[in-house]
Structures are given as C-alpha cells and as structure tokens.
Amino acid sequence: MPRDSAAQPPGGGVGSDPPAAASASLMGRLLGLLLQGMPFIFGIGFIAPLITQLLERALPAAAQAQWPLLVGLAIGGTWGAVANVTGRWL
C-alpha cells in the first residue's frame, strides 16, 4: 500500500528539522572551542588561585594585598596559555 504524500507534514517528516540540526552544529562548534581552551581555563581557574593561596600562606602580611592574586593570574594564565599552544604542561 503506497503512502500518501499529503499525509506528511510540510517540514519533510519526523526528524528532519533543519533548525535543530543547525543548532546542534553550532553547539558542537562552541563545545569544541571550549574544550580547545581548557588548559587556559584550568590555568586561570585552578592554578592562579592555588598560587595566590600559597603566596598568602608564605607571606601573611600579603593576605590583604592584591598583588598575590595578580601574580597568581599572571603565572596561571601564562602557564595555561603555553600549555594550550604547545599541547603539554611541562
């Protein structure tokens, strides 16, 4: 028994939604960009606060100053950027 072409929705049927496919492709590209930048994000989000806390523990007088945070961000960001470019941490 042949199918009637008028019974299908004008969008082409079930599962053929082009905006959803375009959205998934955009989401995949954004996720790919995020994953490519993970070493830099790790450097800023984990290594920088760790270095800041180490400096504040080593030098208690610097606990209220901002320079330990700036030093931590500089070292963590640079280390993360180098790891991002070279592909390794060491």
PDB file of N, CA and C in Angstrom:
ATOM      1  N   MET A   1       0.849  -1.164   0.000  1.00  0.00           N
ATOM      2  CA  MET A   1       0.000   0.000   0.000  1.00  0.00           C
ATOM      3  C   MET A   1       0.899   1.232   0.000  1.00  0.00           C
ATOM      4  N   PRO A   2       0.835   2.078  -1.039  1.00  0.00           N
ATOM      5  CA  PRO A   2       1.705   3.261  -1.108  1.00  0.00           C
ATOM      6  C   PRO A   2       1.268   4.321  -0.109  1.00  0.00           C
ATOM      7  N   ARG A   3       2.264   5.064   0.331  1.00  0.00           N
ATOM      8  CA  ARG A   3       1.987   6.145   1.290  1.00  0.00           C
ATOM      9  C   ARG A   3       1.502   7.377   0.544  1.00  0.00           C
ATOM     10  N   ASP A   4       0.621   8.095   1.159  1.00  0.00           N
ATOM     11  CA  ASP A   4       0.098   9.316   0.572  1.00  0.00           C
ATOM     12  C   ASP A   4       1.043  10.461   0.928  1.00  0.00           C
ATOM     13  N   SER A   5       1.536  11.197  -0.062  1.00  0.00           N
ATOM     14  CA  SER A   5       2.479  12.282   0.188  1.00  0.00           C
ATOM     15  C   SER A   5       1.819  13.445   0.926  1.00  0.00           C
ATOM     16  N   ALA A   6       0.526  13.554   0.899  1.00  0.00           N
ATOM     17  CA  ALA A   6      -0.166  14.640   1.589  1.00  0.00           C
ATOM     18  C   ALA A   6      -0.244  14.387   3.090  1.00  0.00           C
ATOM     19  N   ALA A   7       0.012  13.155   3.519  1.00  0.00           N
ATOM     20  CA  ALA A   7      -0.091  12.829   4.938  1.00  0.00           C
ATOM     21  C   ALA A   7       1.133  13.294   5.724  1.00  0.00           C
ATOM     22  N   GLN A   8       2.223  13.590   5.030  1.00  0.00           N
ATOM     23  CA  GLN A   8       3.430  14.027   5.724  1.00  0.00           C
ATOM     24  C   GLN A   8       3.387  15.524   5.972  1.00  0.00           C
ATOM     25  N   PRO A   9       3.942  15.979   7.099  1.00  0.00           N
ATOM     26  CA  PRO A   9       3.985  17.416   7.375  1.00  0.00           C
ATOM     27  C   PRO A   9       4.857  18.146   6.357  1.00  0.00           C
ATOM     28  N   PRO A  10       4.620  19.429   6.170  1.00  0.00           N
ATOM     29  CA  PRO A  10       5.373  20.182   5.163  1.00  0.00           C
ATOM     30  C   PRO A  10       6.863  20.275   5.458  1.00  0.00           C
ATOM     31  N   GLY A  11       7.307  20.027   6.679  1.00  0.00           N
ATOM     32  CA  GLY A  11       8.725  20.132   7.011  1.00  0.00           C
ATOM     33  C   GLY A  11       9.555  18.964   6.535  1.00  0.00           C
ATOM     34  N   GLY A  12       8.924  17.940   5.978  1.00  0.00           N
ATOM     35  CA  GLY A  12       9.675  16.814   5.461  1.00  0.00           C
ATOM     36  C   GLY A  12       9.528  15.576   6.323  1.00  0.00           C
ATOM     37  N   GLY A  13       8.734  15.600   7.354  1.00  0.00           N
ATOM     38  CA  GLY A  13       8.507  14.405   8.153  1.00  0.00           C
ATOM     39  C   GLY A  13       9.187  14.483   9.500  1.00  0.00           C
ATOM     40  N   VAL A  14       9.097  13.399  10.205  1.00  0.00           N
ATOM     41  CA  VAL A  14       9.643  13.315  11.553  1.00  0.00           C
ATOM     42  C   VAL A  14      11.170  13.270  11.485  1.00  0.00           C
ATOM     43  N   GLY A  15      11.816  14.071  12.299  1.00  0.00           N
ATOM     44  CA  GLY A  15      13.267  14.026  12.399  1.00  0.00           C
ATOM     45  C   GLY A  15      14.015  14.845  11.368  1.00  0.00           C
ATOM     46  N   SER A  16      13.338  15.610  10.572  1.00  0.00           N
ATOM     47  CA  SER A  16      14.046  16.414   9.573  1.00  0.00           C
ATOM     48  C   SER A  16      13.838  17.893   9.856  1.00  0.00           C
ATOM     49  N   ASP A  17      14.242  18.318  11.016  1.00  0.00           N
ATOM     50  CA  ASP A  17      14.074  19.711  11.417  1.00  0.00           C
ATOM     51  C   ASP A  17      15.398  20.447  11.212  1.00  0.00           C
ATOM     52  N   PRO A  18      15.556  21.202  10.118  1.00  0.00           N
ATOM     53  CA  PRO A  18      16.830  21.867   9.853  1.00  0.00           C
ATOM     54  C   PRO A  18      17.288  22.841  10.942  1.00  0.00           C
ATOM     55  N   PRO A  19      16.407  23.621  11.579  1.00  0.00           N
ATOM     56  CA  PRO A  19      16.911  24.499  12.637  1.00  0.00           C
ATOM     57  C   PRO A  19      17.528  23.735  13.797  1.00  0.00           C
ATOM     58  N   ALA A  20      16.997  22.573  14.137  1.00  0.00           N
ATOM     59  CA  ALA A  20      17.576  21.780  15.219  1.00  0.00           C
ATOM     60  C   ALA A  20      18.955  21.273  14.812  1.00  0.00           C
ATOM     61  N   ALA A  21      19.114  20.875  13.566  1.00  0.00           N
ATOM     62  CA  ALA A  21      20.413  20.400  13.099  1.00  0.00           C
ATOM     63  C   ALA A  21      21.427  21.535  13.097  1.00  0.00           C
ATOM     64  N   ALA A  22      21.006  22.721  12.682  1.00  0.00           N
ATOM     65  CA  ALA A  22      21.909  23.872  12.689  1.00  0.00           C
ATOM     66  C   ALA A  22      22.280  24.242  14.118  1.00  0.00           C
ATOM     67  N   SER A  23      21.320  24.134  15.031  1.00  0.00           N
ATOM     68  CA  SER A  23      21.581  24.444  16.429  1.00  0.00           C
ATOM     69  C   SER A  23      22.558  23.448  17.030  1.00  0.00           C
ATOM     70  N   ALA A  24      22.410  22.167  16.694  1.00  0.00           N
ATOM     71  CA  ALA A  24      23.316  21.144  17.210  1.00  0.00           C
ATOM     72  C   ALA A  24      24.717  21.365  16.656  1.00  0.00           C
ATOM     73  N   SER A  25      24.808  21.765  15.424  1.00  0.00           N
ATOM     74  CA  SER A  25      26.110  22.015  14.830  1.00  0.00           C
ATOM     75  C   SER A  25      26.788  23.213  15.487  1.00  0.00           C
ATOM     76  N   LEU A  26      26.019  24.248  15.778  1.00  0.00           N
ATOM     77  CA  LEU A  26      26.555  25.412  16.464  1.00  0.00           C
ATOM     78  C   LEU A  26      26.997  25.031  17.870  1.00  0.00           C
ATOM     79  N   MET A  27      26.190  24.230  18.552  1.00  0.00           N
ATOM     80  CA  MET A  27      26.527  23.789  19.894  1.00  0.00           C
ATOM     81  C   MET A  27      27.797  22.939  19.872  1.00  0.00           C
ATOM     82  N   GLY A  28      27.940  22.111  18.880  1.00  0.00           N
ATOM     83  CA  GLY A  28      29.146  21.293  18.752  1.00  0.00           C
ATOM     84  C   GLY A  28      30.388  22.142  18.531  1.00  0.00           C
ATOM     85  N   ARG A  29      30.261  23.167  17.706  1.00  0.00           N
ATOM     86  CA  ARG A  29      31.403  24.064  17.474  1.00  0.00           C
ATOM     87  C   ARG A  29      31.767  24.835  18.727  1.00  0.00           C
ATOM     88  N   LEU A  30      30.751  25.316  19.470  1.00  0.00           N
ATOM     89  CA  LEU A  30      31.028  26.039  20.713  1.00  0.00           C
ATOM     90  C   LEU A  30      31.677  25.129  21.749  1.00  0.00           C
ATOM     91  N   LEU A  31      31.198  23.890  21.831  1.00  0.00           N
ATOM     92  CA  LEU A  31      31.795  22.937  22.756  1.00  0.00           C
ATOM     93  C   LEU A  31      33.229  22.626  22.358  1.00  0.00           C
ATOM     94  N   GLY A  32      33.481  22.516  21.067  1.00  0.00           N
ATOM     95  CA  GLY A  32      34.843  22.286  20.586  1.00  0.00           C
ATOM     96  C   GLY A  32      35.777  23.432  20.940  1.00  0.00           C
ATOM     97  N   LEU A  33      35.290  24.661  20.785  1.00  0.00           N
ATOM     98  CA  LEU A  33      36.106  25.822  21.154  1.00  0.00           C
ATOM     99  C   LEU A  33      36.380  25.858  22.649  1.00  0.00           C
ATOM    100  N   LEU A  34      35.370  25.511  23.442  1.00  0.00           N
ATOM    101  CA  LEU A  34      35.550  25.481  24.889  1.00  0.00           C
ATOM    102  C   LEU A  34      36.583  24.432  25.284  1.00  0.00           C
ATOM    103  N   LEU A  35      36.512  23.260  24.672  1.00  0.00           N
ATOM    104  CA  LEU A  35      37.458  22.197  25.008  1.00  0.00           C
ATOM    105  C   LEU A  35      38.871  22.524  24.534  1.00  0.00           C
ATOM    106  N   GLN A  36      39.001  23.252  23.445  1.00  0.00           N
ATOM    107  CA  GLN A  36      40.330  23.652  22.985  1.00  0.00           C
ATOM    108  C   GLN A  36      40.981  24.617  23.957  1.00  0.00           C
ATOM    109  N   GLY A  37      40.189  25.427  24.635  1.00  0.00           N
ATOM    110  CA  GLY A  37      40.732  26.408  25.568  1.00  0.00           C
ATOM    111  C   GLY A  37      40.819  25.921  27.002  1.00  0.00           C
ATOM    112  N   MET A  38      40.561  24.636  27.241  1.00  0.00           N
ATOM    113  CA  MET A  38      40.557  24.119  28.608  1.00  0.00           C
ATOM    114  C   MET A  38      41.881  24.292  29.346  1.00  0.00           C
ATOM    115  N   PRO A  39      43.042  24.123  28.734  1.00  0.00           N
ATOM    116  CA  PRO A  39      44.271  24.359  29.503  1.00  0.00           C
ATOM    117  C   PRO A  39      44.366  25.790  30.025  1.00  0.00           C
ATOM    118  N   PHE A  40      43.962  26.765  29.218  1.00  0.00           N
ATOM    119  CA  PHE A  40      43.993  28.155  29.664  1.00  0.00           C
ATOM    120  C   PHE A  40      42.976  28.388  30.780  1.00  0.00           C
ATOM    121  N   ILE A  41      41.784  27.821  30.625  1.00  0.00           N
ATOM    122  CA  ILE A  41      40.750  27.958  31.656  1.00  0.00           C
ATOM    123  C   ILE A  41      41.210  27.295  32.954  1.00  0.00           C
ATOM    124  N   PHE A  42      41.874  26.146  32.854  1.00  0.00           N
ATOM    125  CA  PHE A  42      42.404  25.470  34.036  1.00  0.00           C
ATOM    126  C   PHE A  42      43.485  26.314  34.698  1.00  0.00           C
ATOM    127  N   GLY A  43      44.324  26.951  33.891  1.00  0.00           N
ATOM    128  CA  GLY A  43      45.372  27.808  34.438  1.00  0.00           C
ATOM    129  C   GLY A  43      44.800  28.996  35.196  1.00  0.00           C
ATOM    130  N   ILE A  44      43.761  29.597  34.661  1.00  0.00           N
ATOM    131  CA  ILE A  44      43.135  30.748  35.313  1.00  0.00           C
ATOM    132  C   ILE A  44      42.264  30.305  36.496  1.00  0.00           C
ATOM    133  N   GLY A  45      41.540  29.208  36.337  1.00  0.00           N
ATOM    134  CA  GLY A  45      40.567  28.801  37.340  1.00  0.00           C
ATOM    135  C   GLY A  45      41.100  27.963  38.479  1.00  0.00           C
ATOM    136  N   PHE A  46      42.225  27.284  38.279  1.00  0.00           N
ATOM    137  CA  PHE A  46      42.749  26.430  39.344  1.00  0.00           C
ATOM    138  C   PHE A  46      44.155  26.823  39.775  1.00  0.00           C
ATOM    139  N   ILE A  47      45.048  26.966  38.805  1.00  0.00           N
ATOM    140  CA  ILE A  47      46.448  27.250  39.161  1.00  0.00           C
ATOM    141  C   ILE A  47      46.594  28.651  39.746  1.00  0.00           C
ATOM    142  N   ALA A  48      45.900  29.642  39.195  1.00  0.00           N
ATOM    143  CA  ALA A  48      46.022  31.010  39.712  1.00  0.00           C
ATOM    144  C   ALA A  48      45.565  31.124  41.166  1.00  0.00           C
ATOM    145  N   PRO A  49      44.387  30.601  41.553  1.00  0.00           N
ATOM    146  CA  PRO A  49      44.029  30.671  42.975  1.00  0.00           C
ATOM    147  C   PRO A  49      44.954  29.863  43.870  1.00  0.00           C
ATOM    148  N   LEU A  50      45.474  28.749  43.352  1.00  0.00           N
ATOM    149  CA  LEU A  50      46.409  27.947  44.136  1.00  0.00           C
ATOM    150  C   LEU A  50      47.683  28.729  44.426  1.00  0.00           C
ATOM    151  N   ILE A  51      48.241  29.385  43.417  1.00  0.00           N
ATOM    152  CA  ILE A  51      49.454  30.186  43.612  1.00  0.00           C
ATOM    153  C   ILE A  51      49.160  31.356  44.552  1.00  0.00           C
ATOM    154  N   THR A  52      47.987  31.964  44.406  1.00  0.00           N
ATOM    155  CA  THR A  52      47.604  33.066  45.288  1.00  0.00           C
ATOM    156  C   THR A  52      47.553  32.609  46.740  1.00  0.00           C
ATOM    157  N   GLN A  53      46.946  31.474  46.992  1.00  0.00           N
ATOM    158  CA  GLN A  53      46.857  30.968  48.359  1.00  0.00           C
ATOM    159  C   GLN A  53      48.227  30.582  48.905  1.00  0.00           C
ATOM    160  N   LEU A  54      49.067  30.019  48.063  1.00  0.00           N
ATOM    161  CA  LEU A  54      50.425  29.685  48.515  1.00  0.00           C
ATOM    162  C   LEU A  54      51.208  30.937  48.902  1.00  0.00           C
ATOM    163  N   LEU A  55      51.074  31.997  48.112  1.00  0.00           N
ATOM    164  CA  LEU A  55      51.761  33.245  48.441  1.00  0.00           C
ATOM    165  C   LEU A  55      51.216  33.854  49.730  1.00  0.00           C
ATOM    166  N   GLU A  56      49.911  33.784  49.919  1.00  0.00           N
ATOM    167  CA  GLU A  56      49.322  34.341  51.138  1.00  0.00           C
ATOM    168  C   GLU A  56      49.706  33.533  52.370  1.00  0.00           C
ATOM    169  N   ARG A  57      49.880  32.227  52.220  1.00  0.00           N
ATOM    170  CA  ARG A  57      50.344  31.403  53.350  1.00  0.00           C
ATOM    171  C   ARG A  57      51.807  31.662  53.657  1.00  0.00           C
ATOM    172  N   ALA A  58      52.600  31.829  52.614  1.00  0.00           N
ATOM    173  CA  ALA A  58      54.037  32.038  52.814  1.00  0.00           C
ATOM    174  C   ALA A  58      54.327  33.433  53.366  1.00  0.00           C
ATOM    175  N   LEU A  59      53.542  34.408  52.939  1.00  0.00           N
ATOM    176  CA  LEU A  59      53.736  35.794  53.372  1.00  0.00           C
ATOM    177  C   LEU A  59      52.433  36.313  53.968  1.00  0.00           C
ATOM    178  N   PRO A  60      52.200  36.098  55.265  1.00  0.00           N
ATOM    179  CA  PRO A  60      50.920  36.500  55.867  1.00  0.00           C
ATOM    180  C   PRO A  60      50.636  38.000  55.758  1.00  0.00           C
ATOM    181  N   ALA A  61      51.655  38.826  55.650  1.00  0.00           N
ATOM    182  CA  ALA A  61      51.430  40.268  55.522  1.00  0.00           C
ATOM    183  C   ALA A  61      50.792  40.615  54.176  1.00  0.00           C
ATOM    184  N   ALA A  62      50.900  39.722  53.203  1.00  0.00           N
ATOM    185  CA  ALA A  62      50.352  39.978  51.870  1.00  0.00           C
ATOM    186  C   ALA A  62      48.921  39.484  51.734  1.00  0.00           C
ATOM    187  N   ALA A  63      48.316  39.029  52.837  1.00  0.00           N
ATOM    188  CA  ALA A  63      46.985  38.428  52.753  1.00  0.00           C
ATOM    189  C   ALA A  63      45.913  39.425  52.304  1.00  0.00           C
ATOM    190  N   GLN A  64      46.051  40.705  52.653  1.00  0.00           N
ATOM    191  CA  GLN A  64      45.047  41.686  52.273  1.00  0.00           C
ATOM    192  C   GLN A  64      45.422  42.474  51.024  1.00  0.00           C
ATOM    193  N   ALA A  65      46.580  42.217  50.481  1.00  0.00           N
ATOM    194  CA  ALA A  65      47.018  42.926  49.277  1.00  0.00           C
ATOM    195  C   ALA A  65      46.477  42.219  48.029  1.00  0.00           C
ATOM    196  N   GLN A  66      46.499  42.924  46.914  1.00  0.00           N
ATOM    197  CA  GLN A  66      46.019  42.338  45.668  1.00  0.00           C
ATOM    198  C   GLN A  66      47.137  41.725  44.835  1.00  0.00           C
ATOM    199  N   TRP A  67      48.371  42.018  45.163  1.00  0.00           N
ATOM    200  CA  TRP A  67      49.451  41.548  44.301  1.00  0.00           C
ATOM    201  C   TRP A  67      49.578  40.028  44.271  1.00  0.00           C
ATOM    202  N   PRO A  68      49.246  39.275  45.337  1.00  0.00           N
ATOM    203  CA  PRO A  68      49.324  37.813  45.188  1.00  0.00           C
ATOM    204  C   PRO A  68      48.345  37.285  44.133  1.00  0.00           C
ATOM    205  N   LEU A  69      47.167  37.885  44.057  1.00  0.00           N
ATOM    206  CA  LEU A  69      46.200  37.480  43.042  1.00  0.00           C
ATOM    207  C   LEU A  69      46.711  37.817  41.642  1.00  0.00           C
ATOM    208  N   LEU A  70      47.288  38.992  41.490  1.00  0.00           N
ATOM    209  CA  LEU A  70      47.817  39.380  40.174  1.00  0.00           C
ATOM    210  C   LEU A  70      48.970  38.477  39.758  1.00  0.00           C
ATOM    211  N   VAL A  71      49.831  38.144  40.713  1.00  0.00           N
ATOM    212  CA  VAL A  71      50.937  37.229  40.406  1.00  0.00           C
ATOM    213  C   VAL A  71      50.389  35.852  40.046  1.00  0.00           C
ATOM    214  N   GLY A  72      49.391  35.376  40.809  1.00  0.00           N
ATOM    215  CA  GLY A  72      48.780  34.078  40.509  1.00  0.00           C
ATOM    216  C   GLY A  72      48.126  34.055  39.141  1.00  0.00           C
ATOM    217  N   LEU A  73      47.407  35.120  38.800  1.00  0.00           N
ATOM    218  CA  LEU A  73      46.780  35.188  37.477  1.00  0.00           C
ATOM    219  C   LEU A  73      47.815  35.261  36.361  1.00  0.00           C
ATOM    220  N   ALA A  74      48.882  35.995  36.601  1.00  0.00           N
ATOM    221  CA  ALA A  74      49.932  36.104  35.572  1.00  0.00           C
ATOM    222  C   ALA A  74      50.600  34.750  35.344  1.00  0.00           C
ATOM    223  N   ILE A  75      50.959  34.071  36.425  1.00  0.00           N
ATOM    224  CA  ILE A  75      51.634  32.773  36.281  1.00  0.00           C
ATOM    225  C   ILE A  75      50.663  31.722  35.742  1.00  0.00           C
ATOM    226  N   GLY A  76      49.469  31.629  36.331  1.00  0.00           N
ATOM    227  CA  GLY A  76      48.493  30.636  35.884  1.00  0.00           C
ATOM    228  C   GLY A  76      48.036  30.869  34.451  1.00  0.00           C
ATOM    229  N   GLY A  77      47.777  32.114  34.101  1.00  0.00           N
ATOM    230  CA  GLY A  77      47.356  32.414  32.734  1.00  0.00           C
ATOM    231  C   GLY A  77      48.440  32.148  31.711  1.00  0.00           C
ATOM    232  N   THR A  78      49.670  32.522  32.062  1.00  0.00           N
ATOM    233  CA  THR A  78      50.785  32.271  31.142  1.00  0.00           C
ATOM    234  C   THR A  78      51.033  30.780  30.986  1.00  0.00           C
ATOM    235  N   TRP A  79      51.040  30.075  32.101  1.00  0.00           N
ATOM    236  CA  TRP A  79      51.273  28.633  32.052  1.00  0.00           C
ATOM    237  C   TRP A  79      50.162  27.932  31.266  1.00  0.00           C
ATOM    238  N   GLY A  80      48.906  28.336  31.484  1.00  0.00           N
ATOM    239  CA  GLY A  80      47.792  27.760  30.738  1.00  0.00           C
ATOM    240  C   GLY A  80      47.855  28.084  29.255  1.00  0.00           C
ATOM    241  N   ALA A  81      48.255  29.300  28.921  1.00  0.00           N
ATOM    242  CA  ALA A  81      48.365  29.679  27.505  1.00  0.00           C
ATOM    243  C   ALA A  81      49.484  28.897  26.816  1.00  0.00           C
ATOM    244  N   VAL A  82      50.604  28.738  27.506  1.00  0.00           N
ATOM    245  CA  VAL A  82      51.709  27.952  26.934  1.00  0.00           C
ATOM    246  C   VAL A  82      51.283  26.498  26.762  1.00  0.00           C
ATOM    247  N   ALA A  83      50.576  25.954  27.747  1.00  0.00           N
ATOM    248  CA  ALA A  83      50.085  24.577  27.644  1.00  0.00           C
ATOM    249  C   ALA A  83      49.073  24.443  26.509  1.00  0.00           C
ATOM    250  N   ASN A  84      48.288  25.471  26.284  1.00  0.00           N
ATOM    251  CA  ASN A  84      47.310  25.457  25.208  1.00  0.00           C
ATOM    252  C   ASN A  84      47.992  25.451  23.842  1.00  0.00           C
ATOM    253  N   VAL A  85      49.053  26.224  23.724  1.00  0.00           N
ATOM    254  CA  VAL A  85      49.752  26.325  22.437  1.00  0.00           C
ATOM    255  C   VAL A  85      50.601  25.087  22.158  1.00  0.00           C
ATOM    256  N   THR A  86      51.361  24.648  23.175  1.00  0.00           N
ATOM    257  CA  THR A  86      52.283  23.526  22.966  1.00  0.00           C
ATOM    258  C   THR A  86      51.605  22.173  23.075  1.00  0.00           C
ATOM    259  N   GLY A  87      50.486  22.099  23.798  1.00  0.00           N
ATOM    260  CA  GLY A  87      49.803  20.834  23.953  1.00  0.00           C
ATOM    261  C   GLY A  87      50.250  20.018  25.149  1.00  0.00           C
ATOM    262  N   ARG A  88      51.123  20.570  25.989  1.00  0.00           N
ATOM    263  CA  ARG A  88      51.546  19.869  27.201  1.00  0.00           C
ATOM    264  C   ARG A  88      51.876  20.869  28.297  1.00  0.00           C
ATOM    265  N   TRP A  89      51.862  20.392  29.539  1.00  0.00           N
ATOM    266  CA  TRP A  89      52.033  21.265  30.688  1.00  0.00           C
ATOM    267  C   TRP A  89      53.493  21.479  31.054  1.00  0.00           C
ATOM    268  N   LEU A  90      54.340  20.547  30.745  1.00  0.00           N
ATOM    269  CA  LEU A  90      55.753  20.676  31.141  1.00  0.00           C
ATOM    270  C   LEU A  90      56.655  20.903  29.961  1.00  0.00           C
TER     271      LEU A  90
END
